[in-house]
Amino acid sequence: MLADIGKCVLGGVTWAIPTAANSDHAGSNDGGGPSWVASIVNAIGNSACTNPDGTFFWETTAIVITWDDWGGWYDHEPPTFLPFPQGGYQYGFRVPLIFVSAYTPAGYINNNQQDFGSIIRFVEYNFGIAEGALTFADARSERNLHQFYDLTQPPRTFQTIPAPKDANFFLHDTRPLEAPDDE
């Protein structure tokens, strides 16, 4: 099923991780990271493909955009340090999280602290899996992102995200496929 979705939405090409030039990692990108993300969101939002029940992908998809590290730039908020036993895996500096869906109110901002476990909790919440059942991160997480997703409202119409580079650029990018970082 996922392979079929990938073919339908992205013309048979699946992008899982951007190349170094198309990432947001400092020192290795050319500024294409936001366009890379926009091209994936636009592919899902503008897809004419439908699910087995006839709904469009946009109407049934939640896209969680986040970064794997903070980038080394200034943050006025100090990182949270947890006591033992949770302290073996610290939260660290904040990273952005953007939630995109047809059921997220336009312009919605939530200032509650989330963590990577919140994403797993959201999956558990939506698919009836016991909270904290999958990893240590969701077991300690206190939120599940459901406040970003209001299914009592009709789905919003997708609005294409303008970007300097589109999916066609990334599909035909002939630059070397270098990893975005060496971690």
Protein backbone atom coordinates (compact mmCIF):
# COMPACT_ATOMS: atom_id res chain seq x y z
CA MET A 1 0.00 0.00 0.00
CA LEU A 2 2.75 2.51 0.91
CA ALA A 3 4.52 1.84 -2.36
CA ASP A 4 1.29 2.58 -4.23
CA ILE A 5 0.84 5.82 -2.28
CA GLY A 6 4.42 6.85 -3.07
CA LYS A 7 3.89 6.18 -6.78
CA CYS A 8 0.61 8.05 -6.83
CA VAL A 9 1.75 11.10 -4.88
CA LEU A 10 5.35 11.45 -5.96
CA GLY A 11 5.42 9.84 -9.38
CA GLY A 12 7.19 6.72 -8.10
CA VAL A 13 9.98 8.59 -6.31
CA THR A 14 10.10 8.47 -2.54
CA TRP A 15 12.05 11.09 -0.63
CA ALA A 16 12.84 10.03 2.92
CA ILE A 17 15.80 12.25 3.75
CA PRO A 18 17.04 15.29 1.84
CA THR A 19 20.54 15.44 0.41
CA ALA A 20 23.08 17.67 2.16
CA ALA A 21 22.45 20.53 -0.26
CA ASN A 22 18.69 20.24 0.21
CA SER A 23 18.74 19.97 4.00
CA ASP A 24 18.70 22.60 6.73
CA HIS A 25 22.00 21.47 8.26
CA ALA A 26 24.38 24.38 8.75
CA GLY A 27 27.42 24.34 6.51
CA SER A 28 26.12 21.75 4.03
CA ASN A 29 23.03 23.30 2.47
CA ASP A 30 22.29 25.81 -0.25
CA GLY A 31 19.01 26.99 1.27
CA GLY A 32 16.89 24.35 -0.45
CA GLY A 33 15.61 22.73 2.75
CA PRO A 34 12.37 24.71 3.02
CA SER A 35 11.65 24.10 -0.67
CA TRP A 36 12.32 20.37 -0.21
CA VAL A 37 9.77 20.21 2.63
CA ALA A 38 7.27 22.32 0.67
CA SER A 39 7.57 19.99 -2.35
CA ILE A 40 6.59 16.97 -0.26
CA VAL A 41 3.71 18.76 1.47
CA ASN A 42 2.52 20.12 -1.90
CA ALA A 43 2.68 16.64 -3.46
CA ILE A 44 0.37 15.27 -0.78
CA GLY A 45 -1.90 18.33 -0.64
CA ASN A 46 -2.34 18.61 -4.40
CA SER A 47 -2.57 14.88 -5.12
CA ALA A 48 -5.63 13.74 -7.05
CA CYS A 49 -5.11 10.24 -5.68
CA THR A 50 -7.74 8.83 -3.40
CA ASN A 51 -7.88 6.38 -0.53
CA PRO A 52 -10.03 3.23 -0.84
CA ASP A 53 -12.96 5.14 0.75
CA GLY A 54 -12.77 7.86 -1.94
CA THR A 55 -11.22 10.58 0.24
CA PHE A 56 -8.20 12.47 -1.03
CA PHE A 57 -4.83 11.99 0.65
CA TRP A 58 -4.90 15.56 1.98
CA GLU A 59 -8.10 14.84 3.90
CA THR A 60 -6.61 11.85 5.73
CA THR A 61 -2.98 12.80 6.25
CA ALA A 62 -1.18 14.44 9.14
CA ILE A 63 2.31 15.70 8.33
CA VAL A 64 4.67 16.30 11.25
CA ILE A 65 7.73 18.33 10.31
CA THR A 66 10.54 18.52 12.84
CA TRP A 67 14.31 18.62 12.93
CA ASP A 68 16.69 16.07 14.43
CA ASP A 69 18.82 18.63 16.23
CA TRP A 70 18.84 22.28 17.16
CA GLY A 71 21.53 23.46 14.73
CA GLY A 72 23.81 25.20 17.20
CA TRP A 73 22.11 28.57 16.98
CA TYR A 74 21.14 30.70 19.97
CA ASP A 75 18.16 29.74 22.10
CA HIS A 76 17.15 31.93 25.05
CA GLU A 77 15.40 28.96 26.68
CA PRO A 78 17.81 26.62 28.52
CA PRO A 79 17.38 22.88 27.87
CA THR A 80 15.46 20.76 30.34
CA PHE A 81 17.56 18.30 32.34
CA LEU A 82 15.74 15.33 33.76
CA PRO A 83 16.66 13.46 36.94
CA PHE A 84 17.66 9.81 36.93
CA PRO A 85 16.46 7.43 35.43
CA GLN A 86 15.10 9.60 32.60
CA GLY A 87 18.28 11.71 32.63
CA GLY A 88 20.16 9.21 30.46
CA TYR A 89 18.35 10.75 27.50
CA GLN A 90 17.99 14.51 27.83
CA TYR A 91 15.68 16.77 25.89
CA GLY A 92 18.41 19.20 24.82
CA PHE A 93 17.77 22.49 23.06
CA ARG A 94 14.43 23.16 21.41
CA VAL A 95 13.75 22.27 17.79
CA PRO A 96 10.81 23.46 15.68
CA LEU A 97 7.74 21.29 15.15
CA ILE A 98 5.23 22.07 12.43
CA PHE A 99 1.97 20.12 12.19
CA VAL A 100 0.27 20.23 8.79
CA SER A 101 -3.18 18.79 8.13
CA ALA A 102 -6.62 19.54 6.77
CA TYR A 103 -7.87 19.49 10.36
CA THR A 104 -5.40 21.94 11.91
CA PRO A 105 -6.96 25.39 12.24
CA ALA A 106 -5.30 27.97 9.97
CA GLY A 107 -2.63 29.94 11.82
CA TYR A 108 -2.84 27.73 14.92
CA ILE A 109 0.12 28.15 17.30
CA ASN A 110 0.64 25.96 20.35
CA ASN A 111 3.33 26.97 22.83
CA ASN A 112 3.15 23.84 24.97
CA GLN A 113 6.41 21.92 25.24
CA GLN A 114 6.33 18.85 23.02
CA ASP A 115 9.00 16.22 22.53
CA PHE A 116 9.73 13.50 19.99
CA GLY A 117 7.70 11.10 22.13
CA SER A 118 4.67 13.35 21.54
CA ILE A 119 4.71 12.27 17.89
CA ILE A 120 4.64 8.59 18.88
CA ARG A 121 1.88 9.34 21.40
CA PHE A 122 -0.14 10.94 18.59
CA VAL A 123 0.16 7.75 16.53
CA GLU A 124 -0.88 5.69 19.57
CA TYR A 125 -3.83 8.03 20.25
CA ASN A 126 -5.10 7.81 16.65
CA PHE A 127 -4.71 4.08 16.20
CA GLY A 128 -5.84 2.88 19.63
CA ILE A 129 -2.43 1.71 20.84
CA ALA A 130 -1.84 1.95 24.60
CA GLU A 131 0.01 5.16 25.51
CA GLY A 132 3.67 4.52 26.24
CA ALA A 133 3.62 1.07 24.64
CA LEU A 134 6.10 1.65 21.82
CA THR A 135 9.29 3.35 23.08
CA PHE A 136 10.84 4.97 26.15
CA ALA A 137 10.23 8.39 24.57
CA ASP A 138 6.46 7.99 24.31
CA ALA A 139 6.34 6.36 27.75
CA ARG A 140 7.69 9.55 29.35
CA SER A 141 5.94 12.01 27.06
CA GLU A 142 3.09 14.02 28.53
CA ARG A 143 1.40 15.15 25.31
CA ASN A 144 0.23 13.51 22.10
CA LEU A 145 -0.33 16.38 19.60
CA HIS A 146 -4.09 15.71 19.36
CA GLN A 147 -4.69 19.42 20.04
CA PHE A 148 -3.32 20.10 16.55
CA TYR A 149 -5.92 17.87 14.91
CA ASP A 150 -9.63 18.79 15.20
CA LEU A 151 -11.73 16.13 13.48
CA THR A 152 -14.98 17.85 14.50
CA GLN A 153 -14.32 20.47 11.79
CA PRO A 154 -14.68 19.94 8.03
CA PRO A 155 -11.31 19.51 6.28
CA ARG A 156 -9.69 22.73 5.11
CA THR A 157 -8.89 23.11 1.43
CA PHE A 158 -5.19 22.66 0.70
CA GLN A 159 -3.26 25.79 -0.22
CA THR A 160 -0.10 25.23 -2.23
CA ILE A 161 3.02 26.38 -0.41
CA PRO A 162 5.03 28.74 -2.64
CA ALA A 163 8.72 27.86 -2.81
CA PRO A 164 11.67 28.83 -5.03
CA LYS A 165 12.30 25.16 -5.93
CA ASP A 166 9.53 22.69 -6.75
CA ALA A 167 9.29 18.89 -6.85
CA ASN A 168 10.52 18.87 -10.46
CA PHE A 169 13.82 20.39 -9.28
CA PHE A 170 14.33 17.68 -6.65
CA LEU A 171 13.30 14.87 -8.99
CA HIS A 172 15.95 15.97 -11.51
CA ASP A 173 18.67 17.22 -9.15
CA THR A 174 21.92 15.67 -10.42
CA ARG A 175 24.16 16.88 -7.62
CA PRO A 176 25.90 14.21 -5.50
CA LEU A 177 23.65 12.38 -3.04
CA GLU A 178 25.57 13.37 0.08
CA ALA A 179 24.14 12.72 3.55
CA PRO A 180 22.84 15.85 5.30
CA ASP A 181 25.18 15.32 8.28
CA ASP A 182 27.76 12.91 9.62
CA GLU A 183 26.09 12.03 12.92
